[in-house]
Amino acid sequence: MDSTDIQSNKGMAIVGYILFFIPLILAKDSKFAWYHANQGLTLLVVAVILNVVLSIIPFIGFLLLPLVNLAIFIFAILGIVAAAQGQVKPLPIIGNYTLLK
């Protein structure tokens, strides 16, 4: 990724963890913003799947649900910090998956 792309699209990359589709619309040509939008989308998909699955499991699911949501929140913070620092750093565990090309 080139440094001018990173410097001019840090804000869009940060927004990618909150609303992943905004960088896809407003920063179409930025590989940096798309990378972080992909990370945000992957995090969202994992969060939805884990919340649904753990909500179905009677007792253990309800005990694990707050811990999983805390981990997802921490992953989002890690992604936002990496985007703000201009880093292309995958999220732990789920960061190597690509949903957007």
N, C-alpha and C. Protein backbone atom coordinates (compact mmCIF):
# COMPACT_ATOMS: atom_id res chain seq x y z
N MET A 1 0.84 -1.17 0.00
CA MET A 1 0.00 0.00 0.00
C MET A 1 0.89 1.24 0.00
N ASP A 2 0.46 2.23 -0.70
CA ASP A 2 1.31 3.41 -0.77
C ASP A 2 0.96 4.40 0.34
N SER A 3 1.94 5.15 0.77
CA SER A 3 1.80 6.01 1.95
C SER A 3 0.80 7.14 1.75
N THR A 4 0.63 7.64 0.54
CA THR A 4 -0.38 8.69 0.34
C THR A 4 -1.79 8.13 0.50
N ASP A 5 -2.00 6.90 0.05
CA ASP A 5 -3.30 6.25 0.24
C ASP A 5 -3.58 6.08 1.72
N ILE A 6 -2.58 5.63 2.46
CA ILE A 6 -2.75 5.42 3.90
C ILE A 6 -3.05 6.73 4.61
N GLN A 7 -2.27 7.77 4.33
CA GLN A 7 -2.45 9.05 5.01
C GLN A 7 -3.80 9.70 4.69
N SER A 8 -4.24 9.59 3.45
CA SER A 8 -5.48 10.26 3.08
C SER A 8 -6.73 9.47 3.42
N ASN A 9 -6.59 8.20 3.79
CA ASN A 9 -7.77 7.37 4.05
C ASN A 9 -7.78 6.72 5.43
N LYS A 10 -7.02 7.27 6.37
CA LYS A 10 -7.04 6.73 7.73
C LYS A 10 -8.43 6.83 8.35
N GLY A 11 -9.09 7.95 8.13
CA GLY A 11 -10.43 8.14 8.69
C GLY A 11 -11.42 7.13 8.14
N MET A 12 -11.36 6.89 6.84
CA MET A 12 -12.24 5.90 6.22
C MET A 12 -11.94 4.50 6.75
N ALA A 13 -10.67 4.20 6.98
CA ALA A 13 -10.29 2.89 7.51
C ALA A 13 -10.84 2.70 8.92
N ILE A 14 -10.81 3.75 9.72
CA ILE A 14 -11.37 3.68 11.07
C ILE A 14 -12.87 3.45 11.01
N VAL A 15 -13.54 4.18 10.14
CA VAL A 15 -14.99 4.04 9.99
C VAL A 15 -15.35 2.61 9.54
N GLY A 16 -14.45 1.95 8.84
CA GLY A 16 -14.69 0.59 8.37
C GLY A 16 -14.97 -0.41 9.48
N TYR A 17 -14.54 -0.13 10.69
CA TYR A 17 -14.82 -1.03 11.81
C TYR A 17 -16.16 -0.72 12.46
N ILE A 18 -16.71 0.42 12.16
CA ILE A 18 -18.00 0.81 12.73
C ILE A 18 -19.12 0.54 11.72
N LEU A 19 -18.96 1.04 10.52
CA LEU A 19 -19.90 0.82 9.41
C LEU A 19 -19.08 0.43 8.19
N PHE A 20 -18.90 -0.86 7.97
CA PHE A 20 -17.96 -1.35 6.96
C PHE A 20 -18.27 -0.85 5.55
N PHE A 21 -19.51 -0.55 5.25
CA PHE A 21 -19.89 -0.20 3.88
C PHE A 21 -19.56 1.25 3.51
N ILE A 22 -19.34 2.12 4.46
CA ILE A 22 -19.02 3.52 4.17
C ILE A 22 -17.72 3.65 3.37
N PRO A 23 -16.62 3.00 3.78
CA PRO A 23 -15.40 3.09 2.95
C PRO A 23 -15.58 2.49 1.56
N LEU A 24 -16.44 1.50 1.45
CA LEU A 24 -16.68 0.88 0.14
C LEU A 24 -17.33 1.86 -0.83
N ILE A 25 -18.12 2.77 -0.29
CA ILE A 25 -18.81 3.76 -1.11
C ILE A 25 -17.96 5.01 -1.31
N LEU A 26 -17.36 5.52 -0.23
CA LEU A 26 -16.67 6.81 -0.29
C LEU A 26 -15.19 6.72 -0.64
N ALA A 27 -14.58 5.55 -0.47
CA ALA A 27 -13.15 5.40 -0.76
C ALA A 27 -12.95 4.20 -1.68
N LYS A 28 -13.61 4.22 -2.81
CA LYS A 28 -13.60 3.08 -3.74
C LYS A 28 -12.20 2.71 -4.22
N ASP A 29 -11.32 3.68 -4.36
CA ASP A 29 -10.00 3.43 -4.93
C ASP A 29 -8.92 3.17 -3.89
N SER A 30 -9.27 3.17 -2.61
CA SER A 30 -8.28 3.02 -1.55
C SER A 30 -8.17 1.58 -1.10
N LYS A 31 -7.02 0.97 -1.37
CA LYS A 31 -6.78 -0.39 -0.91
C LYS A 31 -6.71 -0.45 0.61
N PHE A 32 -6.19 0.61 1.22
CA PHE A 32 -6.07 0.68 2.67
C PHE A 32 -7.46 0.69 3.32
N ALA A 33 -8.35 1.52 2.84
CA ALA A 33 -9.70 1.60 3.40
C ALA A 33 -10.46 0.30 3.15
N TRP A 34 -10.29 -0.29 1.96
CA TRP A 34 -10.95 -1.56 1.65
C TRP A 34 -10.44 -2.68 2.55
N TYR A 35 -9.15 -2.68 2.84
CA TYR A 35 -8.59 -3.71 3.72
C TYR A 35 -9.27 -3.65 5.09
N HIS A 36 -9.37 -2.44 5.64
CA HIS A 36 -9.97 -2.30 6.96
C HIS A 36 -11.49 -2.49 6.92
N ALA A 37 -12.13 -2.14 5.82
CA ALA A 37 -13.56 -2.44 5.66
C ALA A 37 -13.78 -3.94 5.65
N ASN A 38 -12.89 -4.68 4.99
CA ASN A 38 -12.97 -6.14 4.98
C ASN A 38 -12.80 -6.69 6.39
N GLN A 39 -11.86 -6.15 7.13
CA GLN A 39 -11.67 -6.59 8.51
C GLN A 39 -12.92 -6.31 9.35
N GLY A 40 -13.52 -5.14 9.15
CA GLY A 40 -14.74 -4.79 9.87
C GLY A 40 -15.90 -5.69 9.50
N LEU A 41 -16.04 -6.01 8.21
CA LEU A 41 -17.10 -6.92 7.77
C LEU A 41 -16.89 -8.32 8.33
N THR A 42 -15.67 -8.80 8.30
CA THR A 42 -15.37 -10.12 8.86
C THR A 42 -15.70 -10.16 10.35
N LEU A 43 -15.35 -9.11 11.06
CA LEU A 43 -15.66 -9.03 12.48
C LEU A 43 -17.17 -9.02 12.71
N LEU A 44 -17.91 -8.30 11.89
CA LEU A 44 -19.36 -8.26 12.01
C LEU A 44 -19.98 -9.64 11.76
N VAL A 45 -19.54 -10.32 10.71
CA VAL A 45 -20.07 -11.64 10.39
C VAL A 45 -19.79 -12.63 11.52
N VAL A 46 -18.58 -12.61 12.04
CA VAL A 46 -18.22 -13.50 13.15
C VAL A 46 -19.05 -13.17 14.39
N ALA A 47 -19.26 -11.89 14.65
CA ALA A 47 -20.05 -11.48 15.81
C ALA A 47 -21.50 -11.96 15.69
N VAL A 48 -22.09 -11.81 14.53
CA VAL A 48 -23.47 -12.25 14.33
C VAL A 48 -23.58 -13.77 14.49
N ILE A 49 -22.67 -14.49 13.85
CA ILE A 49 -22.71 -15.96 13.94
C ILE A 49 -22.55 -16.43 15.38
N LEU A 50 -21.56 -15.90 16.08
CA LEU A 50 -21.33 -16.32 17.46
C LEU A 50 -22.49 -15.94 18.37
N ASN A 51 -23.07 -14.77 18.17
CA ASN A 51 -24.20 -14.36 19.00
C ASN A 51 -25.42 -15.25 18.77
N VAL A 52 -25.67 -15.61 17.52
CA VAL A 52 -26.80 -16.50 17.22
C VAL A 52 -26.57 -17.88 17.81
N VAL A 53 -25.39 -18.43 17.58
CA VAL A 53 -25.09 -19.78 18.08
C VAL A 53 -25.13 -19.82 19.60
N LEU A 54 -24.51 -18.85 20.24
CA LEU A 54 -24.48 -18.86 21.71
C LEU A 54 -25.84 -18.55 22.32
N SER A 55 -26.69 -17.84 21.60
CA SER A 55 -28.04 -17.58 22.11
C SER A 55 -28.90 -18.84 22.08
N ILE A 56 -28.58 -19.76 21.20
CA ILE A 56 -29.34 -21.00 21.09
C ILE A 56 -28.95 -21.99 22.19
N ILE A 57 -27.68 -22.00 22.56
CA ILE A 57 -27.19 -22.94 23.58
C ILE A 57 -27.72 -22.48 24.95
N PRO A 58 -28.44 -23.36 25.65
CA PRO A 58 -29.17 -22.96 26.86
C PRO A 58 -28.35 -22.28 27.96
N PHE A 59 -27.49 -22.94 28.65
CA PHE A 59 -26.86 -22.35 29.82
C PHE A 59 -25.45 -21.83 29.53
N ILE A 60 -24.65 -22.67 28.94
CA ILE A 60 -23.25 -22.30 28.67
C ILE A 60 -23.18 -21.13 27.69
N GLY A 61 -24.09 -21.11 26.73
CA GLY A 61 -24.12 -20.02 25.75
C GLY A 61 -24.32 -18.67 26.41
N PHE A 62 -25.22 -18.62 27.38
CA PHE A 62 -25.49 -17.36 28.05
C PHE A 62 -24.34 -16.93 28.96
N LEU A 63 -23.56 -17.90 29.42
CA LEU A 63 -22.37 -17.55 30.20
C LEU A 63 -21.24 -17.05 29.31
N LEU A 64 -21.13 -17.63 28.11
CA LEU A 64 -20.05 -17.26 27.20
C LEU A 64 -20.35 -16.00 26.38
N LEU A 65 -21.61 -15.69 26.20
CA LEU A 65 -22.00 -14.57 25.35
C LEU A 65 -21.35 -13.24 25.75
N PRO A 66 -21.35 -12.85 27.03
CA PRO A 66 -20.68 -11.59 27.38
C PRO A 66 -19.17 -11.61 27.10
N LEU A 67 -18.53 -12.75 27.31
CA LEU A 67 -17.09 -12.85 27.05
C LEU A 67 -16.79 -12.74 25.56
N VAL A 68 -17.61 -13.37 24.74
CA VAL A 68 -17.42 -13.29 23.29
C VAL A 68 -17.64 -11.87 22.80
N ASN A 69 -18.67 -11.20 23.31
CA ASN A 69 -18.92 -9.82 22.91
C ASN A 69 -17.81 -8.88 23.37
N LEU A 70 -17.24 -9.14 24.52
CA LEU A 70 -16.10 -8.35 24.99
C LEU A 70 -14.90 -8.57 24.06
N ALA A 71 -14.67 -9.81 23.66
CA ALA A 71 -13.56 -10.10 22.73
C ALA A 71 -13.78 -9.40 21.40
N ILE A 72 -14.99 -9.40 20.90
CA ILE A 72 -15.29 -8.73 19.64
C ILE A 72 -15.06 -7.22 19.77
N PHE A 73 -15.46 -6.65 20.88
CA PHE A 73 -15.22 -5.23 21.13
C PHE A 73 -13.72 -4.93 21.16
N ILE A 74 -12.96 -5.80 21.81
CA ILE A 74 -11.50 -5.61 21.87
C ILE A 74 -10.89 -5.72 20.48
N PHE A 75 -11.34 -6.69 19.67
CA PHE A 75 -10.85 -6.82 18.30
C PHE A 75 -11.14 -5.56 17.50
N ALA A 76 -12.33 -4.99 17.69
CA ALA A 76 -12.67 -3.75 16.97
C ALA A 76 -11.74 -2.62 17.39
N ILE A 77 -11.45 -2.51 18.66
CA ILE A 77 -10.53 -1.48 19.15
C ILE A 77 -9.13 -1.70 18.57
N LEU A 78 -8.68 -2.95 18.52
CA LEU A 78 -7.37 -3.24 17.94
C LEU A 78 -7.32 -2.84 16.46
N GLY A 79 -8.39 -3.11 15.75
CA GLY A 79 -8.47 -2.72 14.34
C GLY A 79 -8.47 -1.22 14.15
N ILE A 80 -9.22 -0.53 14.97
CA ILE A 80 -9.28 0.94 14.90
C ILE A 80 -7.91 1.54 15.19
N VAL A 81 -7.24 1.02 16.19
CA VAL A 81 -5.90 1.52 16.53
C VAL A 81 -4.93 1.27 15.38
N ALA A 82 -4.98 0.08 14.78
CA ALA A 82 -4.09 -0.22 13.64
C ALA A 82 -4.39 0.71 12.48
N ALA A 83 -5.66 0.97 12.20
CA ALA A 83 -6.03 1.88 11.11
C ALA A 83 -5.55 3.30 11.40
N ALA A 84 -5.71 3.74 12.63
CA ALA A 84 -5.29 5.09 13.00
C ALA A 84 -3.78 5.26 12.91
N GLN A 85 -3.05 4.18 13.12
CA GLN A 85 -1.59 4.24 13.03
C GLN A 85 -1.08 3.97 11.62
N GLY A 86 -2.01 3.72 10.69
CA GLY A 86 -1.62 3.48 9.30
C GLY A 86 -1.05 2.10 9.06
N GLN A 87 -1.39 1.15 9.89
CA GLN A 87 -0.86 -0.20 9.77
C GLN A 87 -1.84 -1.10 9.02
N VAL A 88 -1.30 -2.04 8.27
CA VAL A 88 -2.09 -3.08 7.64
C VAL A 88 -1.79 -4.34 8.43
N LYS A 89 -2.53 -4.48 9.51
CA LYS A 89 -2.27 -5.55 10.47
C LYS A 89 -3.57 -6.34 10.65
N PRO A 90 -3.55 -7.65 10.39
CA PRO A 90 -4.79 -8.44 10.52
C PRO A 90 -5.22 -8.58 11.98
N LEU A 91 -6.52 -8.69 12.16
CA LEU A 91 -7.05 -8.92 13.50
C LEU A 91 -6.64 -10.32 13.97
N PRO A 92 -6.51 -10.50 15.28
CA PRO A 92 -6.17 -11.84 15.78
C PRO A 92 -7.27 -12.85 15.41
N ILE A 93 -6.89 -14.05 15.12
CA ILE A 93 -7.73 -15.20 14.83
C ILE A 93 -8.50 -15.08 13.52
N ILE A 94 -9.23 -14.00 13.31
CA ILE A 94 -10.12 -13.89 12.13
C ILE A 94 -9.55 -13.01 11.02
N GLY A 95 -8.44 -12.39 11.22
CA GLY A 95 -7.92 -11.40 10.29
C GLY A 95 -7.43 -11.92 8.96
N ASN A 96 -7.22 -13.21 8.84
CA ASN A 96 -6.68 -13.74 7.58
C ASN A 96 -7.76 -14.11 6.57
N TYR A 97 -9.02 -13.91 6.92
CA TYR A 97 -10.12 -14.22 6.01
C TYR A 97 -10.48 -12.98 5.20
N THR A 98 -10.72 -13.17 3.92
CA THR A 98 -11.06 -12.07 3.02
C THR A 98 -12.46 -12.28 2.48
N LEU A 99 -13.36 -11.37 2.79
CA LEU A 99 -14.73 -11.44 2.30
C LEU A 99 -14.94 -10.49 1.11
N LEU A 100 -14.14 -9.44 1.05
CA LEU A 100 -14.24 -8.46 -0.03
C LEU A 100 -13.01 -8.57 -0.91
N LYS A 101 -13.23 -8.55 -2.21
CA LYS A 101 -12.09 -8.61 -3.15
C LYS A 101 -11.87 -7.25 -3.77
